[in-house]
PDB file of all heavy atoms in Angstrom:
ATOM      1  N   PRO A   1      92.840  84.547 103.419  1.00  0.00           N
ATOM      2  CA  PRO A   1      92.631  85.946 103.785  1.00  0.00           C
ATOM      3  C   PRO A   1      91.400  86.523 103.099  1.00  0.00           C
ATOM      4  O   PRO A   1      90.840  85.917 102.176  1.00  0.00           O
ATOM      5  CB  PRO A   1      93.909  86.626 103.272  1.00  0.00           C
ATOM      6  CG  PRO A   1      94.372  85.752 102.150  1.00  0.00           C
ATOM      7  CD  PRO A   1      94.022  84.356 102.561  1.00  0.00           C
ATOM      8  N   PRO A   2      90.941  87.695 103.530  1.00  0.00           N
ATOM      9  CA  PRO A   2      89.817  88.359 102.871  1.00  0.00           C
ATOM     10  C   PRO A   2      90.071  88.503 101.376  1.00  0.00           C
ATOM     11  O   PRO A   2      91.190  88.792 100.947  1.00  0.00           O
ATOM     12  CB  PRO A   2      89.759  89.721 103.564  1.00  0.00           C
ATOM     13  CG  PRO A   2      90.348  89.468 104.916  1.00  0.00           C
ATOM     14  CD  PRO A   2      91.427  88.443 104.696  1.00  0.00           C
ATOM     15  N   LEU A   3      89.018  88.290 100.587  1.00  0.00           N
ATOM     16  CA  LEU A   3      89.142  88.251  99.133  1.00  0.00           C
ATOM     17  C   LEU A   3      88.456  89.450  98.499  1.00  0.00           C
ATOM     18  O   LEU A   3      87.320  89.791  98.835  1.00  0.00           O
ATOM     19  CB  LEU A   3      88.527  86.954  98.607  1.00  0.00           C
ATOM     20  CG  LEU A   3      88.682  86.659  97.120  1.00  0.00           C
ATOM     21  CD1 LEU A   3      90.157  86.493  96.758  1.00  0.00           C
ATOM     22  CD2 LEU A   3      87.906  85.386  96.756  1.00  0.00           C
ATOM     23  N   TRP A   4      89.172  90.086  97.571  1.00  0.00           N
ATOM     24  CA  TRP A   4      88.649  91.197  96.779  1.00  0.00           C
ATOM     25  C   TRP A   4      88.781  90.841  95.304  1.00  0.00           C
ATOM     26  O   TRP A   4      89.705  90.134  94.906  1.00  0.00           O
ATOM     27  CB  TRP A   4      89.437  92.475  97.043  1.00  0.00           C
ATOM     28  CG  TRP A   4      89.414  92.931  98.470  1.00  0.00           C
ATOM     29  CD1 TRP A   4      90.184  92.461  99.504  1.00  0.00           C
ATOM     30  CD2 TRP A   4      88.584  93.947  99.033  1.00  0.00           C
ATOM     31  NE1 TRP A   4      89.881  93.119 100.661  1.00  0.00           N
ATOM     32  CE2 TRP A   4      88.906  94.055 100.397  1.00  0.00           C
ATOM     33  CE3 TRP A   4      87.608  94.803  98.499  1.00  0.00           C
ATOM     34  CZ2 TRP A   4      88.285  94.962 101.247  1.00  0.00           C
ATOM     35  CZ3 TRP A   4      86.984  95.714  99.333  1.00  0.00           C
ATOM     36  CH2 TRP A   4      87.321  95.787 100.694  1.00  0.00           C
ATOM     37  N   ILE A   5      87.879  91.363  94.505  1.00  0.00           N
ATOM     38  CA  ILE A   5      87.913  91.109  93.065  1.00  0.00           C
ATOM     39  C   ILE A   5      87.851  92.452  92.338  1.00  0.00           C
ATOM     40  O   ILE A   5      87.095  93.343  92.723  1.00  0.00           O
ATOM     41  CB  ILE A   5      86.746  90.203  92.634  1.00  0.00           C
ATOM     42  CG1 ILE A   5      86.900  88.815  93.278  1.00  0.00           C
ATOM     43  CG2 ILE A   5      86.680  90.077  91.114  1.00  0.00           C
ATOM     44  CD1 ILE A   5      85.746  87.873  93.015  1.00  0.00           C
ATOM     45  N   GLY A   6      88.659  92.578  91.295  1.00  0.00           N
ATOM     46  CA  GLY A   6      88.637  93.784  90.482  1.00  0.00           C
ATOM     47  C   GLY A   6      87.818  93.566  89.227  1.00  0.00           C
ATOM     48  O   GLY A   6      87.990  92.551  88.537  1.00  0.00           O
ATOM     49  N   SER A   7      86.924  94.485  88.921  1.00  0.00           N
ATOM     50  CA  SER A   7      86.111  94.389  87.702  1.00  0.00           C
ATOM     51  C   SER A   7      85.600  95.773  87.349  1.00  0.00           C
ATOM     52  O   SER A   7      85.452  96.638  88.216  1.00  0.00           O
ATOM     53  CB  SER A   7      84.940  93.429  87.899  1.00  0.00           C
ATOM     54  OG  SER A   7      84.152  93.361  86.715  1.00  0.00           O
ATOM     55  N   ALA A   8      85.295  95.966  86.061  1.00  0.00           N
ATOM     56  CA  ALA A   8      84.754  97.252  85.602  1.00  0.00           C
ATOM     57  C   ALA A   8      83.417  97.072  84.908  1.00  0.00           C
ATOM     58  O   ALA A   8      82.944  97.983  84.233  1.00  0.00           O
ATOM     59  CB  ALA A   8      85.742  97.925  84.655  1.00  0.00           C
ATOM     60  N   THR A   9      82.791  95.902  85.065  1.00  0.00           N
ATOM     61  CA  THR A   9      81.505  95.644  84.425  1.00  0.00           C
ATOM     62  C   THR A   9      80.478  95.213  85.460  1.00  0.00           C
ATOM     63  O   THR A   9      80.826  94.559  86.456  1.00  0.00           O
ATOM     64  CB  THR A   9      81.618  94.534  83.365  1.00  0.00           C
ATOM     65  OG1 THR A   9      81.904  93.284  84.014  1.00  0.00           O
ATOM     66  CG2 THR A   9      82.718  94.852  82.362  1.00  0.00           C
ATOM     67  N   PRO A  10      79.194  95.535  85.244  1.00  0.00           N
ATOM     68  CA  PRO A  10      78.160  95.079  86.177  1.00  0.00           C
ATOM     69  C   PRO A  10      78.138  93.564  86.348  1.00  0.00           C
ATOM     70  O   PRO A  10      77.964  93.065  87.467  1.00  0.00           O
ATOM     71  CB  PRO A  10      76.860  95.598  85.542  1.00  0.00           C
ATOM     72  CG  PRO A  10      77.286  96.815  84.780  1.00  0.00           C
ATOM     73  CD  PRO A  10      78.649  96.468  84.237  1.00  0.00           C
ATOM     74  N   ALA A  11      78.330  92.827  85.259  1.00  0.00           N
ATOM     75  CA  ALA A  11      78.320  91.360  85.365  1.00  0.00           C
ATOM     76  C   ALA A  11      79.460  90.871  86.253  1.00  0.00           C
ATOM     77  O   ALA A  11      79.280  89.973  87.082  1.00  0.00           O
ATOM     78  CB  ALA A  11      78.426  90.733  83.973  1.00  0.00           C
ATOM     79  N   GLY A  12      80.634  91.475  86.101  1.00  0.00           N
ATOM     80  CA  GLY A  12      81.778  91.061  86.902  1.00  0.00           C
ATOM     81  C   GLY A  12      81.600  91.356  88.376  1.00  0.00           C
ATOM     82  O   GLY A  12      81.919  90.523  89.234  1.00  0.00           O
ATOM     83  N   VAL A  13      81.077  92.528  88.693  1.00  0.00           N
ATOM     84  CA  VAL A  13      80.911  92.854  90.113  1.00  0.00           C
ATOM     85  C   VAL A  13      79.748  92.080  90.724  1.00  0.00           C
ATOM     86  O   VAL A  13      79.767  91.780  91.923  1.00  0.00           O
ATOM     87  CB  VAL A  13      80.749  94.374  90.334  1.00  0.00           C
ATOM     88  CG1 VAL A  13      81.986  95.114  89.880  1.00  0.00           C
ATOM     89  CG2 VAL A  13      79.519  94.926  89.662  1.00  0.00           C
ATOM     90  N   ARG A  14      78.739  91.735  89.904  1.00  0.00           N
ATOM     91  CA  ARG A  14      77.666  90.874  90.434  1.00  0.00           C
ATOM     92  C   ARG A  14      78.225  89.512  90.820  1.00  0.00           C
ATOM     93  O   ARG A  14      77.839  88.947  91.854  1.00  0.00           O
ATOM     94  CB  ARG A  14      76.546  90.718  89.402  1.00  0.00           C
ATOM     95  CG  ARG A  14      75.553  91.865  89.374  1.00  0.00           C
ATOM     96  CD  ARG A  14      74.281  91.485  88.640  1.00  0.00           C
ATOM     97  NE  ARG A  14      74.531  91.160  87.242  1.00  0.00           N
ATOM     98  CZ  ARG A  14      74.496  92.052  86.248  1.00  0.00           C
ATOM     99  NH1 ARG A  14      74.225  93.315  86.498  1.00  0.00           N
ATOM    100  NH2 ARG A  14      74.725  91.670  85.000  1.00  0.00           N
ATOM    101  N   ARG A  15      79.132  88.978  89.993  1.00  0.00           N
ATOM    102  CA  ARG A  15      79.746  87.686  90.324  1.00  0.00           C
ATOM    103  C   ARG A  15      80.540  87.794  91.626  1.00  0.00           C
ATOM    104  O   ARG A  15      80.507  86.882  92.459  1.00  0.00           O
ATOM    105  CB  ARG A  15      80.655  87.226  89.183  1.00  0.00           C
ATOM    106  CG  ARG A  15      79.915  86.705  87.964  1.00  0.00           C
ATOM    107  CD  ARG A  15      80.847  85.969  87.018  1.00  0.00           C
ATOM    108  NE  ARG A  15      81.844  86.848  86.421  1.00  0.00           N
ATOM    109  CZ  ARG A  15      81.701  87.472  85.267  1.00  0.00           C
ATOM    110  NH1 ARG A  15      80.577  87.321  84.571  1.00  0.00           N
ATOM    111  NH2 ARG A  15      82.661  88.238  84.778  1.00  0.00           N
ATOM    112  N   ALA A  16      81.241  88.897  91.798  1.00  0.00           N
ATOM    113  CA  ALA A  16      81.997  89.088  93.040  1.00  0.00           C
ATOM    114  C   ALA A  16      81.057  89.139  94.234  1.00  0.00           C
ATOM    115  O   ALA A  16      81.309  88.525  95.279  1.00  0.00           O
ATOM    116  CB  ALA A  16      82.818  90.376  92.960  1.00  0.00           C
ATOM    117  N   GLY A  17      79.948  89.879  94.111  1.00  0.00           N
ATOM    118  CA  GLY A  17      78.980  89.951  95.200  1.00  0.00           C
ATOM    119  C   GLY A  17      78.393  88.597  95.525  1.00  0.00           C
ATOM    120  O   GLY A  17      78.196  88.254  96.696  1.00  0.00           O
ATOM    121  N   ALA A  18      78.117  87.798  94.481  1.00  0.00           N
ATOM    122  CA  ALA A  18      77.540  86.465  94.703  1.00  0.00           C
ATOM    123  C   ALA A  18      78.493  85.561  95.465  1.00  0.00           C
ATOM    124  O   ALA A  18      78.052  84.656  96.190  1.00  0.00           O
ATOM    125  CB  ALA A  18      77.165  85.835  93.362  1.00  0.00           C
ATOM    126  N   LEU A  19      79.791  85.804  95.331  1.00  0.00           N
ATOM    127  CA  LEU A  19      80.782  85.019  96.063  1.00  0.00           C
ATOM    128  C   LEU A  19      80.990  85.529  97.484  1.00  0.00           C
ATOM    129  O   LEU A  19      81.668  84.889  98.279  1.00  0.00           O
ATOM    130  CB  LEU A  19      82.122  85.052  95.327  1.00  0.00           C
ATOM    131  CG  LEU A  19      82.230  84.276  94.017  1.00  0.00           C
ATOM    132  CD1 LEU A  19      83.559  84.577  93.340  1.00  0.00           C
ATOM    133  CD2 LEU A  19      82.096  82.779  94.273  1.00  0.00           C
ATOM    134  N   GLY A  20      80.437  86.705  97.777  1.00  0.00           N
ATOM    135  CA  GLY A  20      80.680  87.317  99.074  1.00  0.00           C
ATOM    136  C   GLY A  20      82.032  87.986  99.150  1.00  0.00           C
ATOM    137  O   GLY A  20      82.568  88.208 100.244  1.00  0.00           O
ATOM    138  N   ALA A  21      82.605  88.339  97.988  1.00  0.00           N
ATOM    139  CA  ALA A  21      83.913  88.980  97.932  1.00  0.00           C
ATOM    140  C   ALA A  21      83.756  90.488  97.765  1.00  0.00           C
ATOM    141  O   ALA A  21      82.818  90.963  97.116  1.00  0.00           O
ATOM    142  CB  ALA A  21      84.733  88.419  96.765  1.00  0.00           C
ATOM    143  N   GLY A  22      84.677  91.241  98.324  1.00  0.00           N
ATOM    144  CA  GLY A  22      84.679  92.681  98.118  1.00  0.00           C
ATOM    145  C   GLY A  22      85.133  93.018  96.713  1.00  0.00           C
ATOM    146  O   GLY A  22      85.661  92.168  95.984  1.00  0.00           O
ATOM    147  N   ILE A  23      84.922  94.271  96.290  1.00  0.00           N
ATOM    148  CA  ILE A  23      85.410  94.723  94.997  1.00  0.00           C
ATOM    149  C   ILE A  23      86.242  95.994  95.185  1.00  0.00           C
ATOM    150  O   ILE A  23      86.002  96.771  96.104  1.00  0.00           O
ATOM    151  CB  ILE A  23      84.276  94.999  93.990  1.00  0.00           C
ATOM    152  CG1 ILE A  23      83.249  95.991  94.563  1.00  0.00           C
ATOM    153  CG2 ILE A  23      83.628  93.709  93.547  1.00  0.00           C
ATOM    154  CD1 ILE A  23      82.287  96.528  93.528  1.00  0.00           C
ATOM    155  N   LEU A  24      87.198  96.170  94.282  1.00  0.00           N
ATOM    156  CA  LEU A  24      87.984  97.405  94.216  1.00  0.00           C
ATOM    157  C   LEU A  24      87.766  97.992  92.840  1.00  0.00           C
ATOM    158  O   LEU A  24      88.066  97.353  91.823  1.00  0.00           O
ATOM    159  CB  LEU A  24      89.468  97.127  94.447  1.00  0.00           C
ATOM    160  CG  LEU A  24      90.385  98.347  94.291  1.00  0.00           C
ATOM    161  CD1 LEU A  24      90.108  99.372  95.392  1.00  0.00           C
ATOM    162  CD2 LEU A  24      91.858  97.931  94.305  1.00  0.00           C
ATOM    163  N   LEU A  25      87.234  99.221  92.774  1.00  0.00           N
ATOM    164  CA  LEU A  25      86.904  99.881  91.516  1.00  0.00           C
ATOM    165  C   LEU A  25      88.002 100.860  91.118  1.00  0.00           C
ATOM    166  O   LEU A  25      88.621 101.492  91.966  1.00  0.00           O
ATOM    167  CB  LEU A  25      85.570 100.616  91.649  1.00  0.00           C
ATOM    168  CG  LEU A  25      84.387  99.738  92.079  1.00  0.00           C
ATOM    169  CD1 LEU A  25      83.139 100.591  92.263  1.00  0.00           C
ATOM    170  CD2 LEU A  25      84.131  98.631  91.062  1.00  0.00           C
ATOM    171  N   SER A  26      88.199 101.018  89.820  1.00  0.00           N
ATOM    172  CA  SER A  26      89.261 101.867  89.292  1.00  0.00           C
ATOM    173  C   SER A  26      89.044 103.331  89.631  1.00  0.00           C
ATOM    174  O   SER A  26      87.905 103.823  89.661  1.00  0.00           O
ATOM    175  CB  SER A  26      89.331 101.702  87.770  1.00  0.00           C
ATOM    176  OG  SER A  26      90.164 102.684  87.195  1.00  0.00           O
ATOM    177  N   GLY A  27      90.147 104.055  89.816  1.00  0.00           N
ATOM    178  CA  GLY A  27      90.072 105.483  90.061  1.00  0.00           C
ATOM    179  C   GLY A  27      89.639 106.265  88.841  1.00  0.00           C
ATOM    180  O   GLY A  27      89.206 107.412  88.951  1.00  0.00           O
ATOM    181  N   ALA A  28      89.750 105.671  87.657  1.00  0.00           N
ATOM    182  CA  ALA A  28      89.337 106.355  86.428  1.00  0.00           C
ATOM    183  C   ALA A  28      87.834 106.285  86.208  1.00  0.00           C
ATOM    184  O   ALA A  28      87.310 106.963  85.330  1.00  0.00           O
ATOM    185  CB  ALA A  28      90.063 105.750  85.222  1.00  0.00           C
ATOM    186  N   ASN A  29      87.139 105.481  86.973  1.00  0.00           N
ATOM    187  CA  ASN A  29      85.693 105.360  86.805  1.00  0.00           C
ATOM    188  C   ASN A  29      84.988 106.641  87.240  1.00  0.00           C
ATOM    189  O   ASN A  29      85.143 107.077  88.384  1.00  0.00           O
ATOM    190  CB  ASN A  29      85.141 104.198  87.644  1.00  0.00           C
ATOM    191  CG  ASN A  29      85.584 102.845  87.133  1.00  0.00           C
ATOM    192  OD1 ASN A  29      86.015 102.721  85.995  1.00  0.00           O
ATOM    193  ND2 ASN A  29      85.479 101.839  87.973  1.00  0.00           N
ATOM    194  N   PRO A  30      84.171 107.246  86.368  1.00  0.00           N
ATOM    195  CA  PRO A  30      83.355 108.389  86.799  1.00  0.00           C
ATOM    196  C   PRO A  30      82.417 107.969  87.926  1.00  0.00           C
ATOM    197  O   PRO A  30      82.042 106.795  88.037  1.00  0.00           O
ATOM    198  CB  PRO A  30      82.576 108.771  85.532  1.00  0.00           C
ATOM    199  CG  PRO A  30      83.343 108.150  84.404  1.00  0.00           C
ATOM    200  CD  PRO A  30      83.964 106.909  84.957  1.00  0.00           C
ATOM    201  N   LEU A  31      82.027 108.928  88.748  1.00  0.00           N
ATOM    202  CA  LEU A  31      81.214 108.611  89.915  1.00  0.00           C
ATOM    203  C   LEU A  31      79.882 107.929  89.549  1.00  0.00           C
ATOM    204  O   LEU A  31      79.468 107.003  90.264  1.00  0.00           O
ATOM    205  CB  LEU A  31      80.970 109.871  90.745  1.00  0.00           C
ATOM    206  CG  LEU A  31      80.729 109.654  92.244  1.00  0.00           C
ATOM    207  CD1 LEU A  31      81.823 108.800  92.855  1.00  0.00           C
ATOM    208  CD2 LEU A  31      80.640 110.997  92.956  1.00  0.00           C
ATOM    209  N   PRO A  32      79.190 108.322  88.464  1.00  0.00           N
ATOM    210  CA  PRO A  32      77.965 107.591  88.106  1.00  0.00           C
ATOM    211  C   PRO A  32      78.228 106.113  87.823  1.00  0.00           C
ATOM    212  O   PRO A  32      77.414 105.257  88.157  1.00  0.00           O
ATOM    213  CB  PRO A  32      77.475 108.326  86.849  1.00  0.00           C
ATOM    214  CG  PRO A  32      78.009 109.702  86.986  1.00  0.00           C
ATOM    215  CD  PRO A  32      79.365 109.527  87.616  1.00  0.00           C
ATOM    216  N   MET A  33      79.382 105.823  87.222  1.00  0.00           N
ATOM    217  CA  MET A  33      79.740 104.427  86.970  1.00  0.00           C
ATOM    218  C   MET A  33      80.012 103.698  88.278  1.00  0.00           C
ATOM    219  O   MET A  33      79.625 102.539  88.454  1.00  0.00           O
ATOM    220  CB  MET A  33      80.965 104.366  86.065  1.00  0.00           C
ATOM    221  CG  MET A  33      81.434 102.965  85.727  1.00  0.00           C
ATOM    222  SD  MET A  33      82.890 103.023  84.655  1.00  0.00           S
ATOM    223  CE  MET A  33      83.234 101.262  84.485  1.00  0.00           C
ATOM    224  N   VAL A  34      80.670 104.362  89.214  1.00  0.00           N
ATOM    225  CA  VAL A  34      80.913 103.770  90.528  1.00  0.00           C
ATOM    226  C   VAL A  34      79.598 103.389  91.196  1.00  0.00           C
ATOM    227  O   VAL A  34      79.459 102.293  91.754  1.00  0.00           O
ATOM    228  CB  VAL A  34      81.704 104.752  91.422  1.00  0.00           C
ATOM    229  CG1 VAL A  34      81.759 104.257  92.865  1.00  0.00           C
ATOM    230  CG2 VAL A  34      83.120 104.939  90.886  1.00  0.00           C
ATOM    231  N   ALA A  35      78.603 104.278  91.116  1.00  0.00           N
ATOM    232  CA  ALA A  35      77.304 104.008  91.735  1.00  0.00           C
ATOM    233  C   ALA A  35      76.631 102.803  91.095  1.00  0.00           C
ATOM    234  O   ALA A  35      76.046 101.955  91.783  1.00  0.00           O
ATOM    235  CB  ALA A  35      76.408 105.241  91.631  1.00  0.00           C
ATOM    236  N   VAL A  36      76.697 102.699  89.758  1.00  0.00           N
ATOM    237  CA  VAL A  36      76.108 101.557  89.048  1.00  0.00           C
ATOM    238  C   VAL A  36      76.773 100.256  89.487  1.00  0.00           C
ATOM    239  O   VAL A  36      76.102  99.245  89.762  1.00  0.00           O
ATOM    240  CB  VAL A  36      76.226 101.750  87.522  1.00  0.00           C
ATOM    241  CG1 VAL A  36      75.908 100.447  86.789  1.00  0.00           C
ATOM    242  CG2 VAL A  36      75.290 102.851  87.047  1.00  0.00           C
ATOM    243  N   LEU A  37      78.091 100.263  89.545  1.00  0.00           N
ATOM    244  CA  LEU A  37      78.819  99.048  89.915  1.00  0.00           C
ATOM    245  C   LEU A  37      78.589  98.678  91.381  1.00  0.00           C
ATOM    246  O   LEU A  37      78.486  97.488  91.711  1.00  0.00           O
ATOM    247  CB  LEU A  37      80.305  99.233  89.633  1.00  0.00           C
ATOM    248  CG  LEU A  37      80.677  99.414  88.150  1.00  0.00           C
ATOM    249  CD1 LEU A  37      82.167  99.703  88.011  1.00  0.00           C
ATOM    250  CD2 LEU A  37      80.293  98.179  87.338  1.00  0.00           C
TER     251      LEU A  37
END
């Protein structure tokens, strides 16, 4: 099935992007952090 990865760091979400996987970001993340990730 479609794959998603959870991460709160730029390195972690870059790895997810490199795999072609989606990401789910935490609701506690401020919007500037969401944009960075």
